[in-house]
Structures are given as structure tokens and as C-alpha cells.
PDB file of N, CA and C in Angstrom:
ATOM      1  N   MET A   1     180.319 123.157  87.602  1.00  0.00           N
ATOM      2  CA  MET A   1     179.400 124.260  87.362  1.00  0.00           C
ATOM      3  C   MET A   1     178.986 124.861  88.701  1.00  0.00           C
ATOM      4  N   LYS A   2     179.083 126.147  88.810  1.00  0.00           N
ATOM      5  CA  LYS A   2     178.731 126.776  90.084  1.00  0.00           C
ATOM      6  C   LYS A   2     177.217 126.930  90.210  1.00  0.00           C
ATOM      7  N   LEU A   3     176.735 126.886  91.424  1.00  0.00           N
ATOM      8  CA  LEU A   3     175.318 127.099  91.692  1.00  0.00           C
ATOM      9  C   LEU A   3     175.102 128.602  91.747  1.00  0.00           C
ATOM     10  N   LEU A   4     174.354 129.119  90.784  1.00  0.00           N
ATOM     11  CA  LEU A   4     174.205 130.561  90.665  1.00  0.00           C
ATOM     12  C   LEU A   4     173.060 131.094  91.506  1.00  0.00           C
ATOM     13  N   TYR A   5     172.042 130.343  91.636  1.00  0.00           N
ATOM     14  CA  TYR A   5     170.882 130.698  92.442  1.00  0.00           C
ATOM     15  C   TYR A   5     170.506 129.463  93.221  1.00  0.00           C
ATOM     16  N   ASN A   6     169.822 129.644  94.323  1.00  0.00           N
ATOM     17  CA  ASN A   6     169.354 128.449  95.010  1.00  0.00           C
ATOM     18  C   ASN A   6     168.182 127.888  94.219  1.00  0.00           C
ATOM     19  N   LEU A   7     167.770 126.681  94.523  1.00  0.00           N
ATOM     20  CA  LEU A   7     166.778 126.003  93.712  1.00  0.00           C
ATOM     21  C   LEU A   7     165.348 126.435  93.995  1.00  0.00           C
ATOM     22  N   CYS A   8     165.115 127.197  95.044  1.00  0.00           N
ATOM     23  CA  CYS A   8     163.752 127.633  95.325  1.00  0.00           C
ATOM     24  C   CYS A   8     163.485 128.975  94.651  1.00  0.00           C
ATOM     25  N   MET A   9     162.223 129.242  94.436  1.00  0.00           N
ATOM     26  CA  MET A   9     161.819 130.507  93.848  1.00  0.00           C
ATOM     27  C   MET A   9     160.761 131.129  94.740  1.00  0.00           C
ATOM     28  N   ALA A  10     160.840 132.411  94.881  1.00  0.00           N
ATOM     29  CA  ALA A  10     159.809 133.130  95.619  1.00  0.00           C
ATOM     30  C   ALA A  10     158.627 133.356  94.685  1.00  0.00           C
ATOM     31  N   THR A  11     157.448 133.414  95.249  1.00  0.00           N
ATOM     32  CA  THR A  11     156.262 133.753  94.459  1.00  0.00           C
ATOM     33  C   THR A  11     155.604 134.973  95.073  1.00  0.00           C
ATOM     34  N   MET A  12     155.000 135.770  94.202  1.00  0.00           N
ATOM     35  CA  MET A  12     154.362 136.991  94.663  1.00  0.00           C
ATOM     36  C   MET A  12     153.264 137.342  93.671  1.00  0.00           C
ATOM     37  N   ALA A  13     152.129 137.726  94.171  1.00  0.00           N
ATOM     38  CA  ALA A  13     151.058 138.215  93.299  1.00  0.00           C
ATOM     39  C   ALA A  13     151.489 139.533  92.682  1.00  0.00           C
ATOM     40  N   ILE A  14     151.063 139.775  91.464  1.00  0.00           N
ATOM     41  CA  ILE A  14     151.415 141.021  90.798  1.00  0.00           C
ATOM     42  C   ILE A  14     150.934 142.221  91.613  1.00  0.00           C
ATOM     43  N   SER A  15     149.748 142.130  92.174  1.00  0.00           N
ATOM     44  CA  SER A  15     149.235 143.246  92.979  1.00  0.00           C
ATOM     45  C   SER A  15     150.134 143.502  94.187  1.00  0.00           C
ATOM     46  N   GLU A  16     150.639 142.437  94.795  1.00  0.00           N
ATOM     47  CA  GLU A  16     151.558 142.585  95.925  1.00  0.00           C
ATOM     48  C   GLU A  16     152.892 143.165  95.453  1.00  0.00           C
ATOM     49  N   ALA A  17     153.350 142.728  94.289  1.00  0.00           N
ATOM     50  CA  ALA A  17     154.613 143.227  93.750  1.00  0.00           C
ATOM     51  C   ALA A  17     154.548 144.732  93.482  1.00  0.00           C
ATOM     52  N   ARG A  18     153.383 145.212  93.067  1.00  0.00           N
ATOM     53  CA  ARG A  18     153.214 146.659  92.852  1.00  0.00           C
ATOM     54  C   ARG A  18     153.472 147.425  94.152  1.00  0.00           C
ATOM     55  N   GLU A  19     152.964 146.885  95.236  1.00  0.00           N
ATOM     56  CA  GLU A  19     153.082 147.554  96.530  1.00  0.00           C
ATOM     57  C   GLU A  19     154.470 147.385  97.139  1.00  0.00           C
ATOM     58  N   ARG A  20     155.146 146.283  96.797  1.00  0.00           N
ATOM     59  CA  ARG A  20     156.435 145.964  97.420  1.00  0.00           C
ATOM     60  C   ARG A  20     157.513 145.739  96.361  1.00  0.00           C
ATOM     61  N   LEU A  21     157.537 146.597  95.342  1.00  0.00           N
ATOM     62  CA  LEU A  21     158.454 146.407  94.214  1.00  0.00           C
ATOM     63  C   LEU A  21     159.917 146.375  94.652  1.00  0.00           C
ATOM     64  N   ALA A  22     160.315 147.276  95.520  1.00  0.00           N
ATOM     65  CA  ALA A  22     161.713 147.310  95.967  1.00  0.00           C
ATOM     66  C   ALA A  22     162.103 145.984  96.615  1.00  0.00           C
ATOM     67  N   GLU A  23     161.210 145.420  97.410  1.00  0.00           N
ATOM     68  CA  GLU A  23     161.482 144.136  98.053  1.00  0.00           C
ATOM     69  C   GLU A  23     161.565 143.009  97.022  1.00  0.00           C
ATOM     70  N   ALA A  24     160.690 143.031  96.024  1.00  0.00           N
ATOM     71  CA  ALA A  24     160.719 142.011  94.975  1.00  0.00           C
ATOM     72  C   ALA A  24     162.033 142.069  94.203  1.00  0.00           C
ATOM     73  N   VAL A  25     162.465 143.273  93.882  1.00  0.00           N
ATOM     74  CA  VAL A  25     163.732 143.445  93.156  1.00  0.00           C
ATOM     75  C   VAL A  25     164.898 142.969  94.013  1.00  0.00           C
ATOM     76  N   GLU A  26     164.901 143.293  95.282  1.00  0.00           N
ATOM     77  CA  GLU A  26     165.964 142.843  96.185  1.00  0.00           C
ATOM     78  C   GLU A  26     166.001 141.316  96.264  1.00  0.00           C
ATOM     79  N   THR A  27     164.842 140.698  96.367  1.00  0.00           N
ATOM     80  CA  THR A  27     164.765 139.235  96.422  1.00  0.00           C
ATOM     81  C   THR A  27     165.307 138.617  95.140  1.00  0.00           C
ATOM     82  N   ALA A  28     165.055 139.266  94.011  1.00  0.00           N
ATOM     83  CA  ALA A  28     165.497 138.746  92.719  1.00  0.00           C
ATOM     84  C   ALA A  28     167.019 138.649  92.607  1.00  0.00           C
ATOM     85  N   HIS A  29     167.745 139.312  93.486  1.00  0.00           N
ATOM     86  CA  HIS A  29     169.207 139.209  93.461  1.00  0.00           C
ATOM     87  C   HIS A  29     169.704 137.893  94.042  1.00  0.00           C
ATOM     88  N   THR A  30     168.859 137.183  94.771  1.00  0.00           N
ATOM     89  CA  THR A  30     169.273 135.906  95.358  1.00  0.00           C
ATOM     90  C   THR A  30     168.446 134.725  94.873  1.00  0.00           C
ATOM     91  N   GLU A  31     167.252 135.002  94.354  1.00  0.00           N
ATOM     92  CA  GLU A  31     166.413 133.937  93.812  1.00  0.00           C
ATOM     93  C   GLU A  31     165.408 134.532  92.845  1.00  0.00           C
ATOM     94  N   ALA A  32     164.941 133.726  91.935  1.00  0.00           N
ATOM     95  CA  ALA A  32     163.926 134.194  90.991  1.00  0.00           C
ATOM     96  C   ALA A  32     162.626 134.474  91.742  1.00  0.00           C
ATOM     97  N   VAL A  33     161.902 135.466  91.280  1.00  0.00           N
ATOM     98  CA  VAL A  33     160.607 135.806  91.870  1.00  0.00           C
ATOM     99  C   VAL A  33     159.547 135.576  90.787  1.00  0.00           C
ATOM    100  N   VAL A  34     158.680 134.610  91.019  1.00  0.00           N
ATOM    101  CA  VAL A  34     157.599 134.329  90.083  1.00  0.00           C
ATOM    102  C   VAL A  34     156.434 135.237  90.425  1.00  0.00           C
ATOM    103  N   LEU A  35     156.036 136.051  89.466  1.00  0.00           N
ATOM    104  CA  LEU A  35     154.898 136.946  89.654  1.00  0.00           C
ATOM    105  C   LEU A  35     153.656 136.233  89.139  1.00  0.00           C
ATOM    106  N   GLU A  36     152.652 136.171  89.980  1.00  0.00           N
ATOM    107  CA  GLU A  36     151.442 135.435  89.632  1.00  0.00           C
ATOM    108  C   GLU A  36     150.258 136.365  89.415  1.00  0.00           C
ATOM    109  N   ARG A  37     149.422 135.977  88.472  1.00  0.00           N
ATOM    110  CA  ARG A  37     148.153 136.661  88.214  1.00  0.00           C
ATOM    111  C   ARG A  37     147.063 135.606  88.313  1.00  0.00           C
ATOM    112  N   TYR A  38     146.121 135.822  89.207  1.00  0.00           N
ATOM    113  CA  TYR A  38     145.039 134.853  89.450  1.00  0.00           C
ATOM    114  C   TYR A  38     145.592 133.465  89.782  1.00  0.00           C
ATOM    115  N   GLY A  39     146.694 133.436  90.522  1.00  0.00           N
ATOM    116  CA  GLY A  39     147.282 132.186  90.968  1.00  0.00           C
ATOM    117  C   GLY A  39     148.100 131.448  89.930  1.00  0.00           C
ATOM    118  N   GLN A  40     148.272 132.039  88.755  1.00  0.00           N
ATOM    119  CA  GLN A  40     149.041 131.407  87.678  1.00  0.00           C
ATOM    120  C   GLN A  40     150.301 132.229  87.393  1.00  0.00           C
ATOM    121  N   PRO A  41     151.424 131.566  87.105  1.00  0.00           N
ATOM    122  CA  PRO A  41     152.643 132.311  86.775  1.00  0.00           C
ATOM    123  C   PRO A  41     152.416 133.230  85.577  1.00  0.00           C
ATOM    124  N   ALA A  42     152.812 134.484  85.723  1.00  0.00           N
ATOM    125  CA  ALA A  42     152.640 135.466  84.654  1.00  0.00           C
ATOM    126  C   ALA A  42     153.988 136.015  84.172  1.00  0.00           C
ATOM    127  N   ALA A  43     154.974 136.040  85.051  1.00  0.00           N
ATOM    128  CA  ALA A  43     156.295 136.566  84.707  1.00  0.00           C
ATOM    129  C   ALA A  43     157.284 136.104  85.768  1.00  0.00           C
ATOM    130  N   VAL A  44     158.567 136.245  85.442  1.00  0.00           N
ATOM    131  CA  VAL A  44     159.621 135.907  86.396  1.00  0.00           C
ATOM    132  C   VAL A  44     160.579 137.087  86.471  1.00  0.00           C
ATOM    133  N   LEU A  45     160.881 137.494  87.681  1.00  0.00           N
ATOM    134  CA  LEU A  45     161.792 138.600  87.931  1.00  0.00           C
ATOM    135  C   LEU A  45     163.138 138.026  88.361  1.00  0.00           C
ATOM    136  N   VAL A  46     164.198 138.382  87.619  1.00  0.00           N
ATOM    137  CA  VAL A  46     165.552 137.936  87.966  1.00  0.00           C
ATOM    138  C   VAL A  46     166.489 139.142  87.907  1.00  0.00           C
ATOM    139  N   SER A  47     167.637 139.006  88.534  1.00  0.00           N
ATOM    140  CA  SER A  47     168.619 140.089  88.513  1.00  0.00           C
ATOM    141  C   SER A  47     169.219 140.218  87.112  1.00  0.00           C
ATOM    142  N   PRO A  48     169.769 141.384  86.785  1.00  0.00           N
ATOM    143  CA  PRO A  48     170.420 141.549  85.478  1.00  0.00           C
ATOM    144  C   PRO A  48     171.569 140.563  85.283  1.00  0.00           C
ATOM    145  N   GLU A  49     172.293 140.271  86.356  1.00  0.00           N
ATOM    146  CA  GLU A  49     173.411 139.331  86.250  1.00  0.00           C
ATOM    147  C   GLU A  49     172.908 137.931  85.890  1.00  0.00           C
ATOM    148  N   ARG A  50     171.840 137.503  86.557  1.00  0.00           N
ATOM    149  CA  ARG A  50     171.283 136.183  86.276  1.00  0.00           C
ATOM    150  C   ARG A  50     170.724 136.128  84.862  1.00  0.00           C
ATOM    151  N   TYR A  51     170.071 137.204  84.431  1.00  0.00           N
ATOM    152  CA  TYR A  51     169.534 137.264  83.072  1.00  0.00           C
ATOM    153  C   TYR A  51     170.665 137.086  82.060  1.00  0.00           C
ATOM    154  N   GLU A  52     171.765 137.785  82.264  1.00  0.00           N
ATOM    155  CA  GLU A  52     172.915 137.679  81.353  1.00  0.00           C
ATOM    156  C   GLU A  52     173.464 136.254  81.343  1.00  0.00           C
ATOM    157  N   GLU A  53     173.564 135.644  82.512  1.00  0.00           N
ATOM    158  CA  GLU A  53     174.037 134.254  82.597  1.00  0.00           C
ATOM    159  C   GLU A  53     173.112 133.307  81.831  1.00  0.00           C
ATOM    160  N   LEU A  54     171.818 133.522  81.960  1.00  0.00           N
ATOM    161  CA  LEU A  54     170.852 132.682  81.251  1.00  0.00           C
ATOM    162  C   LEU A  54     170.959 132.865  79.737  1.00  0.00           C
ATOM    163  N   MET A  55     171.142 134.103  79.292  1.00  0.00           N
ATOM    164  CA  MET A  55     171.279 134.365  77.858  1.00  0.00           C
ATOM    165  C   MET A  55     172.558 133.729  77.311  1.00  0.00           C
ATOM    166  N   GLU A  56     173.652 133.802  78.064  1.00  0.00           N
ATOM    167  CA  GLU A  56     174.897 133.173  77.638  1.00  0.00           C
ATOM    168  C   GLU A  56     174.751 131.658  77.573  1.00  0.00           C
ATOM    169  N   ALA A  57     174.076 131.075  78.556  1.00  0.00           N
ATOM    170  CA  ALA A  57     173.850 129.627  78.550  1.00  0.00           C
ATOM    171  C   ALA A  57     172.997 129.229  77.357  1.00  0.00           C
ATOM    172  N   LEU A  58     172.003 130.019  77.031  1.00  0.00           N
ATOM    173  CA  LEU A  58     171.159 129.739  75.872  1.00  0.00           C
ATOM    174  C   LEU A  58     171.970 129.798  74.584  1.00  0.00           C
ATOM    175  N   GLU A  59     172.833 130.802  74.470  1.00  0.00           N
ATOM    176  CA  GLU A  59     173.697 130.903  73.294  1.00  0.00           C
ATOM    177  C   GLU A  59     174.611 129.690  73.188  1.00  0.00           C
ATOM    178  N   ASP A  60     175.153 129.228  74.317  1.00  0.00           N
ATOM    179  CA  ASP A  60     176.012 128.040  74.308  1.00  0.00           C
ATOM    180  C   ASP A  60     175.254 126.821  73.803  1.00  0.00           C
ATOM    181  N   VAL A  61     174.023 126.655  74.262  1.00  0.00           N
ATOM    182  CA  VAL A  61     173.200 125.527  73.822  1.00  0.00           C
ATOM    183  C   VAL A  61     172.929 125.629  72.328  1.00  0.00           C
ATOM    184  N   GLU A  62     172.610 126.822  71.865  1.00  0.00           N
ATOM    185  CA  GLU A  62     172.354 127.012  70.437  1.00  0.00           C
ATOM    186  C   GLU A  62     173.608 126.729  69.617  1.00  0.00           C
ATOM    187  N   ASP A  63     174.785 127.121  70.121  1.00  0.00           N
ATOM    188  CA  ASP A  63     176.037 126.832  69.426  1.00  0.00           C
ATOM    189  C   ASP A  63     176.261 125.331  69.320  1.00  0.00           C
ATOM    190  N   VAL A  64     176.005 124.604  70.392  1.00  0.00           N
ATOM    191  CA  VAL A  64     176.183 123.155  70.387  1.00  0.00           C
ATOM    192  C   VAL A  64     175.208 122.518  69.404  1.00  0.00           C
ATOM    193  N   GLU A  65     173.954 122.983  69.412  1.00  0.00           N
ATOM    194  CA  GLU A  65     172.961 122.429  68.485  1.00  0.00           C
ATOM    195  C   GLU A  65     173.358 122.701  67.038  1.00  0.00           C
ATOM    196  N   ALA A  66     173.880 123.893  66.755  1.00  0.00           N
ATOM    197  CA  ALA A  66     174.313 124.218  65.395  1.00  0.00           C
ATOM    198  C   ALA A  66     175.493 123.346  64.987  1.00  0.00           C
ATOM    199  N   PHE A  67     176.416 123.133  65.911  1.00  0.00           N
ATOM    200  CA  PHE A  67     177.566 122.273  65.627  1.00  0.00           C
ATOM    201  C   PHE A  67     177.108 120.846  65.350  1.00  0.00           C
ATOM    202  N   ASP A  68     176.210 120.329  66.208  1.00  0.00           N
ATOM    203  CA  ASP A  68     175.695 118.975  66.010  1.00  0.00           C
ATOM    204  C   ASP A  68     174.995 118.839  64.664  1.00  0.00           C
ATOM    205  N   ALA A  69     174.225 119.854  64.283  1.00  0.00           N
ATOM    206  CA  ALA A  69     173.523 119.814  62.998  1.00  0.00           C
ATOM    207  C   ALA A  69     174.509 119.821  61.840  1.00  0.00           C
ATOM    208  N   SER A  70     175.552 120.633  61.951  1.00  0.00           N
ATOM    209  CA  SER A  70     176.528 120.673  60.863  1.00  0.00           C
ATOM    210  C   SER A  70     177.303 119.367  60.760  1.00  0.00           C
ATOM    211  N   MET A  71     177.558 118.727  61.888  1.00  0.00           N
ATOM    212  CA  MET A  71     178.262 117.442  61.869  1.00  0.00           C
ATOM    213  C   MET A  71     177.386 116.340  61.276  1.00  0.00           C
ATOM    214  N   ALA A  72     176.074 116.495  61.379  1.00  0.00           N
ATOM    215  CA  ALA A  72     175.160 115.483  60.862  1.00  0.00           C
ATOM    216  C   ALA A  72     174.919 115.637  59.360  1.00  0.00           C
ATOM    217  N   GLU A  73     175.345 116.761  58.783  1.00  0.00           N
ATOM    218  CA  GLU A  73     175.151 116.973  57.352  1.00  0.00           C
ATOM    219  C   GLU A  73     175.925 115.932  56.557  1.00  0.00           C
ATOM    220  N   GLU A  74     175.302 115.507  55.488  1.00  0.00           N
ATOM    221  CA  GLU A  74     175.964 114.541  54.622  1.00  0.00           C
ATOM    222  C   GLU A  74     176.816 115.277  53.612  1.00  0.00           C
ATOM    223  N   GLY A  75     177.769 114.595  53.079  1.00  0.00           N
ATOM    224  CA  GLY A  75     178.638 115.172  52.071  1.00  0.00           C
ATOM    225  C   GLY A  75     180.085 114.937  52.431  1.00  0.00           C
ATOM    226  N   PRO A  76     180.950 115.304  51.522  1.00  0.00           N
ATOM    227  CA  PRO A  76     182.378 115.057  51.764  1.00  0.00           C
ATOM    228  C   PRO A  76     182.920 115.948  52.887  1.00  0.00           C
ATOM    229  N   SER A  77     183.837 115.386  53.631  1.00  0.00           N
ATOM    230  CA  SER A  77     184.499 116.136  54.698  1.00  0.00           C
ATOM    231  C   SER A  77     185.767 116.772  54.146  1.00  0.00           C
ATOM    232  N   ILE A  78     186.171 117.858  54.756  1.00  0.00           N
ATOM    233  CA  ILE A  78     187.422 118.511  54.376  1.00  0.00           C
ATOM    234  C   ILE A  78     188.462 118.127  55.416  1.00  0.00           C
ATOM    235  N   PRO A  79     189.583 117.594  54.990  1.00  0.00           N
ATOM    236  CA  PRO A  79     190.618 117.203  55.959  1.00  0.00           C
ATOM    237  C   PRO A  79     191.081 118.404  56.786  1.00  0.00           C
ATOM    238  N   TRP A  80     191.371 118.159  58.064  1.00  0.00           N
ATOM    239  CA  TRP A  80     191.778 119.210  58.983  1.00  0.00           C
ATOM    240  C   TRP A  80     193.018 119.943  58.487  1.00  0.00           C
ATOM    241  N   GLU A  81     193.962 119.243  57.927  1.00  0.00           N
ATOM    242  CA  GLU A  81     195.177 119.877  57.417  1.00  0.00           C
ATOM    243  C   GLU A  81     194.842 120.882  56.321  1.00  0.00           C
ATOM    244  N   GLN A  82     193.868 120.556  55.486  1.00  0.00           N
ATOM    245  CA  GLN A  82     193.467 121.483  54.420  1.00  0.00           C
ATOM    246  C   GLN A  82     192.771 122.717  55.010  1.00  0.00           C
ATOM    247  N   VAL A  83     191.950 122.508  56.016  1.00  0.00           N
ATOM    248  CA  VAL A  83     191.280 123.639  56.661  1.00  0.00           C
ATOM    249  C   VAL A  83     192.305 124.591  57.260  1.00  0.00           C
ATOM    250  N   LYS A  84     193.293 124.042  57.972  1.00  0.00           N
ATOM    251  CA  LYS A  84     194.332 124.880  58.569  1.00  0.00           C
ATOM    252  C   LYS A  84     195.103 125.640  57.494  1.00  0.00           C
ATOM    253  N   ALA A  85     195.398 124.966  56.384  1.00  0.00           N
ATOM    254  CA  ALA A  85     196.128 125.623  55.301  1.00  0.00           C
ATOM    255  C   ALA A  85     195.283 126.731  54.682  1.00  0.00           C
ATOM    256  N   ASP A  86     193.985 126.479  54.478  1.00  0.00           N
ATOM    257  CA  ASP A  86     193.091 127.478  53.919  1.00  0.00           C
ATOM    258  C   ASP A  86     192.996 128.714  54.816  1.00  0.00           C
ATOM    259  N   LEU A  87     193.084 128.524  56.117  1.00  0.00           N
ATOM    260  CA  LEU A  87     193.010 129.619  57.075  1.00  0.00           C
ATOM    261  C   LEU A  87     194.367 130.300  57.287  1.00  0.00           C
ATOM    262  N   GLY A  88     195.417 129.743  56.696  1.00  0.00           N
ATOM    263  CA  GLY A  88     196.752 130.311  56.863  1.00  0.00           C
ATOM    264  C   GLY A  88     197.388 129.972  58.191  1.00  0.00           C
ATOM    265  N   TRP A  89     196.954 128.880  58.808  1.00  0.00           N
ATOM    266  CA  TRP A  89     197.481 128.484  60.103  1.00  0.00           C
ATOM    267  C   TRP A  89     198.746 127.646  59.998  1.00  0.00           C
ATOM    268  N   VAL A  90     199.099 127.232  58.801  1.00  0.00           N
ATOM    269  CA  VAL A  90     200.327 126.414  58.634  1.00  0.00           C
ATOM    270  C   VAL A  90     201.213 127.026  57.603  1.00  0.00           C
TER     271      VAL A  90
END
């Protein structure tokens, strides 16, 4: 698995981000920028590419969870040869 972002995150107050938005956006291309309000995390700024990667990773996790849930279901199994025949693969 490739390292997509470094492990550190920049932090910036929302008021500071308003004044330095271009810099915050530029930083978001190399690391996440945590925007803080009253010293507490309020939002995270990431690049569009990183956002897409995160959404794809989330979908992959959801696919695995759905597969695991379906495998845990009780009931009769359908033999693989029958599935292939039903799909017209043989």
C-alpha cells in the first residue's frame, strides 16, 4: 500500500484559514489541514484526490463488510458450478 499523505496534519484556526485560504488549500495537497474552532477540531481540509481515495477506500471496506455478512448468513449454499451455469459462464 502506498503512503498517500504523510502522517502529520497541519492545524489552523478557522479565523486564520479565512485570511490564508490559498495557503490552507495548498497545504491540503500534501497533508490534511485540521480547521479548529475554539481549539477544537471543526473540519478537515483535504485535496480532491485524497478525498476520492478516501471514498474509494470506504467503499472497499463496505464491500468487504457486505461480503462477510452474506457469508455469515445461514441457509443452503449454491454450488459454484451451478452459479457459473446460471450465469452462462460454462
